[in-house]
Every structure is written in structure tokens, then in C-alpha cells.
């Protein structure tokens, strides 16, 4: 049996408090993360090209459109922007087991 290790990658993430007051900060972070990811992969968007895949649908629910379909984020989930600019939610216990903060 072959074994594999995940390559180290650096992602950006923001933990969603679940509060509606935090949505403007989430939207601002997502737009900046999307722009940085597009620069990294060499795809500079036009103003009309930036459509964030995150929708607030209830006080305790975000829907995030991913390549695998729509995923739901609950309060305290982490919202991750991956290396290709993709967004997806991650439960806190999975995030803590998988990621560590990069200082500097």
C-alpha cells in the first residue's frame, strides 16, 4: 500500500462568528483573498469578474458555492480561500487538526 503526505500550502482563512454584523468584514476579507489568489495564479479579474461565492441565507447559515456544489457554513466555522482562489467552509475541530498559524 502506498502512503502520501499532503503538500504544505499556505491558505487564508477567517472564522465566521455567525453574527450578521460580521458580514461586511467577511465580504471584505473574501474579496481581498480572491484578488490575492488570482494574482498568485496569474488571472487578474476585471471589476465585473469578481463574484464572491458566499451567500448569507439565515442568521446561522452561509452558503458557499464550491466546485463540488453548495456547502453550508455554520457559526464558528472557518471560511477558507484555497491556493486556486476557491472558497470552502471548515469545521473548527478539522481546521485545528489540519492548519497552524503562519507567523510573518
N, C-alpha and C. Protein backbone atom coordinates (compact mmCIF):
# COMPACT_ATOMS: atom_id res chain seq x y z
N UNK A 1 0.85 -1.18 0.00
CA UNK A 1 0.00 0.00 0.00
C UNK A 1 0.89 1.24 0.00
N UNK A 2 0.58 2.19 -0.89
CA UNK A 2 1.31 3.45 -0.93
C UNK A 2 0.74 4.40 0.10
N UNK A 3 1.61 5.26 0.63
CA UNK A 3 1.18 6.30 1.57
C UNK A 3 1.59 7.65 1.03
N UNK A 4 0.81 8.68 1.32
CA UNK A 4 1.07 10.02 0.82
C UNK A 4 0.91 11.03 1.93
N UNK A 5 1.67 12.12 1.82
CA UNK A 5 1.56 13.24 2.75
C UNK A 5 1.07 14.45 1.96
N UNK A 6 0.18 15.21 2.53
CA UNK A 6 -0.31 16.42 1.88
C UNK A 6 0.82 17.43 1.77
N UNK A 7 0.98 18.02 0.59
CA UNK A 7 2.00 19.06 0.41
C UNK A 7 1.65 20.27 1.27
N UNK A 8 2.66 20.89 1.86
CA UNK A 8 2.35 22.08 2.66
C UNK A 8 1.93 23.24 1.75
N UNK A 9 0.82 23.84 2.08
CA UNK A 9 0.34 25.01 1.36
C UNK A 9 -0.08 26.05 2.40
N UNK A 10 -0.05 27.29 1.99
CA UNK A 10 -0.50 28.37 2.86
C UNK A 10 -1.84 28.87 2.32
N UNK A 11 -2.82 28.89 3.20
CA UNK A 11 -4.16 29.37 2.83
C UNK A 11 -4.48 30.60 3.66
N UNK A 12 -5.51 31.32 3.28
CA UNK A 12 -6.03 32.38 4.13
C UNK A 12 -7.39 31.90 4.63
N UNK A 13 -7.71 32.30 5.84
CA UNK A 13 -8.97 31.85 6.42
C UNK A 13 -9.48 32.88 7.42
N UNK A 14 -10.77 32.87 7.61
CA UNK A 14 -11.42 33.76 8.56
C UNK A 14 -12.48 32.94 9.28
N UNK A 15 -12.52 33.03 10.61
CA UNK A 15 -13.55 32.31 11.34
C UNK A 15 -14.80 33.18 11.41
N UNK A 16 -15.93 32.60 10.98
CA UNK A 16 -17.19 33.33 10.96
C UNK A 16 -17.85 33.23 12.33
N UNK A 17 -18.13 34.35 12.93
CA UNK A 17 -18.73 34.38 14.27
C UNK A 17 -20.19 33.96 14.24
N UNK A 18 -20.81 34.08 13.10
CA UNK A 18 -22.23 33.81 12.99
C UNK A 18 -23.07 35.07 13.11
N UNK A 19 -22.45 36.16 13.53
CA UNK A 19 -23.19 37.41 13.71
C UNK A 19 -23.36 38.12 12.37
N UNK A 20 -24.55 38.64 12.15
CA UNK A 20 -24.83 39.38 10.93
C UNK A 20 -23.94 40.62 10.83
N UNK A 21 -23.55 41.17 11.99
CA UNK A 21 -22.69 42.35 11.99
C UNK A 21 -21.31 42.04 11.39
N UNK A 22 -20.92 40.78 11.39
CA UNK A 22 -19.62 40.40 10.86
C UNK A 22 -19.60 40.19 9.35
N UNK A 23 -20.75 40.27 8.71
CA UNK A 23 -20.81 40.00 7.27
C UNK A 23 -20.04 41.00 6.42
N UNK A 24 -20.08 42.31 6.70
CA UNK A 24 -19.26 43.22 5.89
C UNK A 24 -17.76 42.88 5.97
N UNK A 25 -17.27 42.54 7.14
CA UNK A 25 -15.86 42.17 7.28
C UNK A 25 -15.57 40.88 6.52
N UNK A 26 -16.50 39.92 6.57
CA UNK A 26 -16.33 38.67 5.82
C UNK A 26 -16.27 38.95 4.32
N UNK A 27 -17.17 39.79 3.83
CA UNK A 27 -17.19 40.12 2.40
C UNK A 27 -15.91 40.84 1.98
N UNK A 28 -15.43 41.76 2.82
CA UNK A 28 -14.19 42.47 2.51
C UNK A 28 -13.01 41.52 2.48
N UNK A 29 -12.94 40.63 3.48
CA UNK A 29 -11.85 39.64 3.52
C UNK A 29 -11.91 38.73 2.29
N UNK A 30 -13.10 38.25 1.94
CA UNK A 30 -13.24 37.34 0.81
C UNK A 30 -12.82 38.00 -0.50
N UNK A 31 -13.19 39.26 -0.69
CA UNK A 31 -12.80 39.97 -1.91
C UNK A 31 -11.29 40.12 -1.98
N UNK A 32 -10.64 40.46 -0.86
CA UNK A 32 -9.19 40.61 -0.84
C UNK A 32 -8.51 39.26 -1.06
N UNK A 33 -9.00 38.20 -0.41
CA UNK A 33 -8.42 36.86 -0.57
C UNK A 33 -8.55 36.39 -2.01
N UNK A 34 -9.71 36.66 -2.62
CA UNK A 34 -9.93 36.29 -4.02
C UNK A 34 -8.95 37.01 -4.93
N UNK A 35 -8.76 38.30 -4.71
CA UNK A 35 -7.84 39.09 -5.53
C UNK A 35 -6.40 38.57 -5.39
N UNK A 36 -5.97 38.30 -4.16
CA UNK A 36 -4.61 37.79 -3.94
C UNK A 36 -4.41 36.43 -4.59
N UNK A 37 -5.41 35.56 -4.50
CA UNK A 37 -5.31 34.24 -5.12
C UNK A 37 -5.23 34.36 -6.64
N UNK A 38 -6.02 35.25 -7.21
CA UNK A 38 -6.00 35.44 -8.67
C UNK A 38 -4.65 35.98 -9.13
N UNK A 39 -4.07 36.89 -8.35
CA UNK A 39 -2.73 37.40 -8.69
C UNK A 39 -1.71 36.26 -8.67
N UNK A 40 -1.82 35.40 -7.65
CA UNK A 40 -0.88 34.30 -7.48
C UNK A 40 -0.92 33.33 -8.65
N UNK A 41 -2.11 33.09 -9.20
CA UNK A 41 -2.22 32.14 -10.31
C UNK A 41 -2.19 32.84 -11.67
N UNK A 42 -2.00 34.16 -11.66
CA UNK A 42 -1.84 34.90 -12.91
C UNK A 42 -3.13 35.22 -13.63
N UNK A 43 -4.23 35.33 -12.92
CA UNK A 43 -5.50 35.69 -13.54
C UNK A 43 -6.03 36.95 -12.88
N UNK A 44 -5.79 38.08 -13.50
CA UNK A 44 -6.26 39.35 -12.96
C UNK A 44 -7.69 39.61 -13.43
N UNK A 45 -8.60 39.74 -12.48
CA UNK A 45 -10.00 39.93 -12.85
C UNK A 45 -10.33 41.37 -13.21
N UNK A 46 -11.36 41.50 -14.02
CA UNK A 46 -11.93 42.83 -14.24
C UNK A 46 -12.94 43.05 -13.11
N UNK A 47 -13.44 44.25 -12.97
CA UNK A 47 -14.38 44.56 -11.89
C UNK A 47 -15.62 43.67 -11.97
N UNK A 48 -16.09 43.37 -13.16
CA UNK A 48 -17.30 42.55 -13.29
C UNK A 48 -17.02 41.07 -13.13
N UNK A 49 -15.74 40.68 -13.08
CA UNK A 49 -15.34 39.29 -12.96
C UNK A 49 -15.39 38.79 -11.52
N UNK A 50 -15.40 39.70 -10.57
CA UNK A 50 -15.36 39.31 -9.16
C UNK A 50 -16.79 39.10 -8.64
N UNK A 51 -17.15 37.85 -8.48
CA UNK A 51 -18.44 37.48 -7.91
C UNK A 51 -18.14 36.49 -6.80
N UNK A 52 -18.29 36.94 -5.56
CA UNK A 52 -17.94 36.08 -4.44
C UNK A 52 -18.99 34.99 -4.26
N UNK A 53 -18.54 33.77 -4.00
CA UNK A 53 -19.46 32.63 -3.92
C UNK A 53 -20.04 32.40 -2.53
N UNK A 54 -20.18 33.45 -1.73
CA UNK A 54 -20.66 33.31 -0.36
C UNK A 54 -21.98 34.07 -0.22
N UNK A 55 -23.02 33.38 0.24
CA UNK A 55 -24.33 33.99 0.41
C UNK A 55 -24.81 33.79 1.84
N UNK A 56 -25.26 34.86 2.48
CA UNK A 56 -25.89 34.79 3.79
C UNK A 56 -27.34 34.41 3.57
N UNK A 57 -27.77 33.27 4.10
CA UNK A 57 -29.14 32.83 3.83
C UNK A 57 -30.00 32.74 5.09
N UNK A 58 -29.39 32.76 6.26
CA UNK A 58 -30.12 32.71 7.53
C UNK A 58 -29.18 33.18 8.62
N UNK A 59 -29.71 33.53 9.79
CA UNK A 59 -28.82 34.00 10.87
C UNK A 59 -27.73 33.01 11.26
N UNK A 60 -27.93 31.75 10.98
CA UNK A 60 -26.94 30.75 11.37
C UNK A 60 -26.43 29.94 10.18
N UNK A 61 -26.46 30.56 8.98
CA UNK A 61 -26.13 29.77 7.79
C UNK A 61 -25.57 30.63 6.66
N UNK A 62 -24.40 30.23 6.18
CA UNK A 62 -23.84 30.78 4.94
C UNK A 62 -23.83 29.66 3.92
N UNK A 63 -24.13 29.98 2.69
CA UNK A 63 -23.95 29.00 1.62
C UNK A 63 -22.75 29.43 0.79
N UNK A 64 -21.89 28.46 0.51
CA UNK A 64 -20.68 28.72 -0.25
C UNK A 64 -20.70 27.80 -1.47
N UNK A 65 -20.66 28.43 -2.65
CA UNK A 65 -20.64 27.66 -3.88
C UNK A 65 -19.21 27.18 -4.14
N UNK A 66 -19.03 25.88 -4.22
CA UNK A 66 -17.73 25.28 -4.46
C UNK A 66 -17.77 24.48 -5.76
N UNK A 67 -16.63 23.97 -6.17
CA UNK A 67 -16.59 23.14 -7.37
C UNK A 67 -17.36 21.84 -7.15
N UNK A 68 -17.54 21.44 -5.89
CA UNK A 68 -18.26 20.22 -5.56
C UNK A 68 -19.74 20.47 -5.31
N UNK A 69 -20.18 21.70 -5.39
CA UNK A 69 -21.57 22.04 -5.12
C UNK A 69 -21.65 23.04 -3.98
N UNK A 70 -22.86 23.29 -3.49
CA UNK A 70 -23.07 24.25 -2.42
C UNK A 70 -22.78 23.58 -1.08
N UNK A 71 -21.95 24.25 -0.28
CA UNK A 71 -21.64 23.78 1.07
C UNK A 71 -22.16 24.81 2.06
N UNK A 72 -22.52 24.37 3.24
CA UNK A 72 -23.09 25.25 4.25
C UNK A 72 -22.08 25.49 5.36
N UNK A 73 -21.94 26.75 5.76
CA UNK A 73 -21.10 27.12 6.89
C UNK A 73 -22.01 27.56 8.03
N UNK A 74 -21.67 27.10 9.23
CA UNK A 74 -22.39 27.46 10.44
C UNK A 74 -21.55 28.42 11.26
N UNK A 75 -22.15 29.07 12.25
CA UNK A 75 -21.35 29.95 13.11
C UNK A 75 -20.13 29.21 13.68
N UNK A 76 -19.01 29.91 13.70
CA UNK A 76 -17.73 29.45 14.21
C UNK A 76 -16.96 28.57 13.23
N UNK A 77 -17.55 28.24 12.07
CA UNK A 77 -16.79 27.55 11.04
C UNK A 77 -15.76 28.51 10.47
N UNK A 78 -14.69 27.94 9.96
CA UNK A 78 -13.69 28.73 9.25
C UNK A 78 -14.07 28.76 7.78
N UNK A 79 -13.91 29.91 7.15
CA UNK A 79 -14.09 30.04 5.71
C UNK A 79 -12.68 30.13 5.14
N UNK A 80 -12.36 29.22 4.25
CA UNK A 80 -11.00 29.12 3.70
C UNK A 80 -11.00 29.57 2.25
N UNK A 81 -9.96 30.31 1.89
CA UNK A 81 -9.67 30.61 0.48
C UNK A 81 -8.44 29.79 0.13
N UNK A 82 -8.60 28.81 -0.73
CA UNK A 82 -7.52 27.90 -1.08
C UNK A 82 -6.55 28.49 -2.09
N UNK A 83 -5.59 27.67 -2.48
CA UNK A 83 -4.49 28.14 -3.34
C UNK A 83 -4.94 28.57 -4.73
N UNK A 84 -6.07 28.07 -5.21
CA UNK A 84 -6.58 28.46 -6.53
C UNK A 84 -7.69 29.50 -6.43
N UNK A 85 -7.89 30.06 -5.23
CA UNK A 85 -8.92 31.06 -5.04
C UNK A 85 -10.29 30.48 -4.73
N UNK A 86 -10.34 29.19 -4.49
CA UNK A 86 -11.62 28.54 -4.16
C UNK A 86 -11.95 28.76 -2.68
N UNK A 87 -13.22 28.92 -2.40
CA UNK A 87 -13.69 29.11 -1.02
C UNK A 87 -14.41 27.86 -0.58
N UNK A 88 -14.26 27.51 0.69
CA UNK A 88 -14.99 26.40 1.27
C UNK A 88 -14.99 26.52 2.79
N UNK A 89 -16.02 25.96 3.45
CA UNK A 89 -16.08 26.03 4.91
C UNK A 89 -15.31 24.86 5.52
N UNK A 90 -14.92 25.05 6.78
CA UNK A 90 -14.20 24.01 7.50
C UNK A 90 -14.62 24.07 8.97
N UNK A 91 -15.01 22.95 9.53
CA UNK A 91 -15.41 22.89 10.94
C UNK A 91 -14.21 23.19 11.82
N UNK A 92 -14.43 23.86 12.96
CA UNK A 92 -13.31 24.26 13.83
C UNK A 92 -12.38 23.12 14.24
N UNK A 93 -12.92 21.95 14.59
CA UNK A 93 -12.06 20.85 15.02
C UNK A 93 -11.20 20.31 13.87
N UNK A 94 -11.72 20.33 12.66
CA UNK A 94 -10.95 19.90 11.50
C UNK A 94 -9.88 20.94 11.18
N UNK A 95 -10.25 22.21 11.26
CA UNK A 95 -9.29 23.29 11.00
C UNK A 95 -8.12 23.21 11.97
N UNK A 96 -8.43 23.03 13.25
CA UNK A 96 -7.38 22.96 14.29
C UNK A 96 -6.46 21.77 14.07
N UNK A 97 -7.00 20.65 13.60
CA UNK A 97 -6.18 19.46 13.37
C UNK A 97 -5.35 19.55 12.09
N UNK A 98 -5.76 20.42 11.18
CA UNK A 98 -5.15 20.47 9.85
C UNK A 98 -4.21 21.65 9.64
N UNK A 99 -4.50 22.78 10.26
CA UNK A 99 -3.76 24.01 9.99
C UNK A 99 -3.10 24.56 11.24
N UNK A 100 -2.00 25.26 11.03
CA UNK A 100 -1.37 26.03 12.11
C UNK A 100 -1.07 27.40 11.56
N UNK A 101 -1.09 28.40 12.44
CA UNK A 101 -0.90 29.78 12.02
C UNK A 101 0.52 30.00 11.51
N UNK A 102 0.65 30.75 10.42
CA UNK A 102 1.94 31.14 9.88
C UNK A 102 2.24 32.53 10.40
N UNK A 103 3.35 32.68 11.09
CA UNK A 103 3.74 33.96 11.64
C UNK A 103 4.72 34.63 10.67
N UNK A 104 4.41 35.87 10.31
CA UNK A 104 5.33 36.63 9.46
C UNK A 104 5.03 36.61 8.02
